């Protein structure tokens, strides 16, 4: 049985033959095209059902992923609560480190890295010296699109940007 890309080649060859004969179809060519169409329909139906099956499996996997994420989040909250309870106990009792009879150790210690920076929430970035500001420069794509739309075809070639071709996608119905 032909593969989908082989059917494409057969359709293109049939098109060339039709063009070569000024659009006239022989009975043989009509039969060949009918056979190609039947095989094409069968192949495309197979692709359609395969795509739909994969979409359903993807949806099921995403639903399972969401369930596992909820479970993981619940475990993370439980872990945080348990650790906080032990840490609060150790700090309250003035015990920075305790080892249980089974050899499990709990210790309260300072975090590594830089100390947290606490900025007064009433102060805005533009109100401080420039040395304490960070400016991010980026393209204004809306302004660039508008400018290109106003340019003539000749001027567009000299501009630093151009509009690309829109992509395509396959829609199943």
Protein backbone atom coordinates (compact mmCIF):
# COMPACT_ATOMS: atom_id res chain seq x y z
CA UNK A 1 0.00 0.00 0.00
CA UNK A 2 1.28 3.50 -0.84
CA UNK A 3 2.63 5.81 1.80
CA UNK A 4 1.11 9.29 2.14
CA UNK A 5 4.10 11.02 0.54
CA UNK A 6 3.95 8.56 -2.39
CA UNK A 7 0.29 9.47 -2.87
CA UNK A 8 1.36 13.12 -2.99
CA UNK A 9 3.83 12.27 -5.76
CA UNK A 10 1.11 10.34 -7.65
CA UNK A 11 -1.33 13.26 -7.38
CA UNK A 12 1.30 15.72 -8.63
CA UNK A 13 2.17 13.38 -11.52
CA UNK A 14 -1.53 13.08 -12.38
CA UNK A 15 -1.85 16.86 -12.31
CA UNK A 16 1.10 17.20 -14.70
CA UNK A 17 -0.50 14.62 -17.04
CA UNK A 18 -3.81 16.49 -16.98
CA UNK A 19 -2.05 19.76 -17.80
CA UNK A 20 -0.05 18.08 -20.59
CA UNK A 21 -3.30 16.88 -22.20
CA UNK A 22 -5.00 20.29 -21.93
CA UNK A 23 -7.28 19.21 -19.08
CA UNK A 24 -8.64 16.18 -20.93
CA UNK A 25 -8.84 12.98 -18.90
CA UNK A 26 -8.63 9.55 -20.47
CA UNK A 27 -10.65 6.72 -18.93
CA UNK A 28 -7.39 5.23 -17.70
CA UNK A 29 -6.42 8.52 -16.03
CA UNK A 30 -9.89 8.84 -14.44
CA UNK A 31 -9.58 5.31 -13.03
CA UNK A 32 -6.09 6.04 -11.73
CA UNK A 33 -7.26 9.25 -10.04
CA UNK A 34 -10.24 7.45 -8.48
CA UNK A 35 -7.86 4.81 -7.06
CA UNK A 36 -5.54 7.52 -5.72
CA UNK A 37 -8.49 9.32 -4.11
CA UNK A 38 -9.67 6.13 -2.41
CA UNK A 39 -6.20 5.39 -1.02
CA UNK A 40 -5.74 9.05 -0.08
CA UNK A 41 -9.04 9.10 1.82
CA UNK A 42 -8.10 5.92 3.69
CA UNK A 43 -4.64 7.27 4.57
CA UNK A 44 -5.95 10.66 5.67
CA UNK A 45 -8.67 9.01 7.79
CA UNK A 46 -5.93 6.99 9.48
CA UNK A 47 -3.94 10.16 10.13
CA UNK A 48 -7.09 11.89 11.42
CA UNK A 49 -7.90 9.12 13.91
CA UNK A 50 -4.28 8.80 14.98
CA UNK A 51 -4.08 12.56 15.64
CA UNK A 52 -7.37 12.50 17.58
CA UNK A 53 -6.17 9.53 19.66
CA UNK A 54 -2.92 11.34 20.46
CA UNK A 55 -4.87 14.49 21.42
CA UNK A 56 -7.07 12.46 23.81
CA UNK A 57 -4.01 10.78 25.33
CA UNK A 58 -2.35 14.18 25.70
CA UNK A 59 -5.45 15.55 27.48
CA UNK A 60 -5.51 12.52 29.80
CA UNK A 61 -1.79 12.90 30.54
CA UNK A 62 -2.25 16.60 31.29
CA UNK A 63 -5.15 15.77 33.65
CA UNK A 64 -2.99 13.19 35.43
CA UNK A 65 -0.13 15.68 35.56
CA UNK A 66 -2.48 18.23 37.17
CA UNK A 67 -3.59 15.63 39.74
CA UNK A 68 0.03 14.75 40.56
CA UNK A 69 0.89 18.46 40.76
CA UNK A 70 -1.91 18.95 43.31
CA UNK A 71 -0.59 15.96 45.28
CA UNK A 72 2.96 17.34 45.13
CA UNK A 73 1.75 20.78 46.23
CA UNK A 74 -0.15 19.23 49.17
CA UNK A 75 2.98 17.28 50.18
CA UNK A 76 5.09 20.44 49.90
CA UNK A 77 2.66 22.31 52.20
CA UNK A 78 2.71 19.42 54.69
CA UNK A 79 6.53 19.30 54.62
CA UNK A 80 6.75 23.07 55.14
CA UNK A 81 4.28 22.91 58.04
CA UNK A 82 6.13 20.03 59.71
CA UNK A 83 9.53 21.69 59.30
CA UNK A 84 8.16 24.99 60.59
CA UNK A 85 6.71 23.25 63.66
CA UNK A 86 10.08 21.61 64.48
CA UNK A 87 12.00 24.85 63.78
CA UNK A 88 9.62 26.85 66.00
CA UNK A 89 10.09 24.28 68.78
CA UNK A 90 13.87 24.36 68.51
CA UNK A 91 14.03 28.17 68.45
CA UNK A 92 11.52 28.48 71.34
CA UNK A 93 13.45 26.03 73.51
CA UNK A 94 16.82 27.56 72.63
CA UNK A 95 18.06 24.28 71.17
CA UNK A 96 19.86 24.95 67.86
CA UNK A 97 20.50 21.22 67.32
CA UNK A 98 18.89 18.00 68.57
CA UNK A 99 19.76 14.40 67.71
CA UNK A 100 17.10 11.77 68.39
CA UNK A 101 17.93 8.34 69.90
CA UNK A 102 17.57 6.89 66.38
CA UNK A 103 20.32 9.22 65.09
CA UNK A 104 18.06 11.70 63.25
CA UNK A 105 19.34 15.27 63.57
CA UNK A 106 17.41 18.53 63.47
CA UNK A 107 19.45 21.74 63.33
CA UNK A 108 18.47 25.40 62.91
CA UNK A 109 21.04 27.34 60.92
CA UNK A 110 21.27 30.58 58.97
CA UNK A 111 20.60 30.61 55.23
CA UNK A 112 23.53 31.09 52.87
CA UNK A 113 23.82 33.67 50.12
CA UNK A 114 23.18 37.39 50.27
CA UNK A 115 21.13 38.95 53.01
CA UNK A 116 17.63 39.91 51.84
CA UNK A 117 17.23 43.48 50.63
CA UNK A 118 14.27 45.28 52.20
CA UNK A 119 13.27 48.36 50.20
CA UNK A 120 10.85 50.91 51.64
CA UNK A 121 7.61 50.24 49.74
CA UNK A 122 6.77 53.96 49.66
CA UNK A 123 9.90 54.77 47.59
CA UNK A 124 9.61 54.51 43.78
CA UNK A 125 12.60 53.65 41.53
CA UNK A 126 12.57 57.04 39.76
CA UNK A 127 12.91 58.78 43.16
CA UNK A 128 16.40 57.44 43.88
CA UNK A 129 19.80 58.20 42.35
CA UNK A 130 20.47 56.73 38.89
CA UNK A 131 23.22 54.50 40.29
CA UNK A 132 20.47 52.54 42.09
CA UNK A 133 18.28 52.17 39.00
CA UNK A 134 18.38 49.57 36.24
CA UNK A 135 16.95 50.50 32.85
CA UNK A 136 15.97 47.79 30.39
CA UNK A 137 16.04 48.77 26.71
CA UNK A 138 14.04 46.70 24.25
CA UNK A 139 12.47 46.98 20.81
CA UNK A 140 9.00 48.55 20.63
CA UNK A 141 7.59 45.98 18.21
CA UNK A 142 4.24 47.77 17.92
CA UNK A 143 5.96 51.00 16.84
CA UNK A 144 8.18 49.07 14.38
CA UNK A 145 5.15 47.34 12.80
CA UNK A 146 3.32 50.65 12.48
CA UNK A 147 6.35 52.31 10.88
CA UNK A 148 6.82 49.45 8.39
CA UNK A 149 3.13 49.65 7.45
CA UNK A 150 3.61 53.35 6.61
CA UNK A 151 6.78 52.79 4.54
CA UNK A 152 6.72 52.29 0.78
CA UNK A 153 7.97 48.99 -0.71
CA UNK A 154 11.30 50.56 -1.77
CA UNK A 155 11.95 52.07 1.66
CA UNK A 156 11.20 48.80 3.46
CA UNK A 157 14.30 47.18 1.98
CA UNK A 158 16.54 49.76 3.67
CA UNK A 159 14.87 49.49 7.10
CA UNK A 160 16.47 47.34 9.86
CA UNK A 161 13.35 45.17 10.22
CA UNK A 162 10.76 43.58 7.97
CA UNK A 163 7.55 41.63 8.39
CA UNK A 164 7.98 37.88 8.01
CA UNK A 165 5.57 35.39 6.56
CA UNK A 166 2.81 34.08 8.78
CA UNK A 167 3.08 30.38 9.54
CA UNK A 168 0.47 27.76 8.78
CA UNK A 169 -1.18 25.07 10.85
CA UNK A 170 -3.36 22.07 10.23
CA UNK A 171 -6.98 22.19 11.36
CA UNK A 172 -8.96 19.01 11.90
CA UNK A 173 -12.77 19.03 11.79
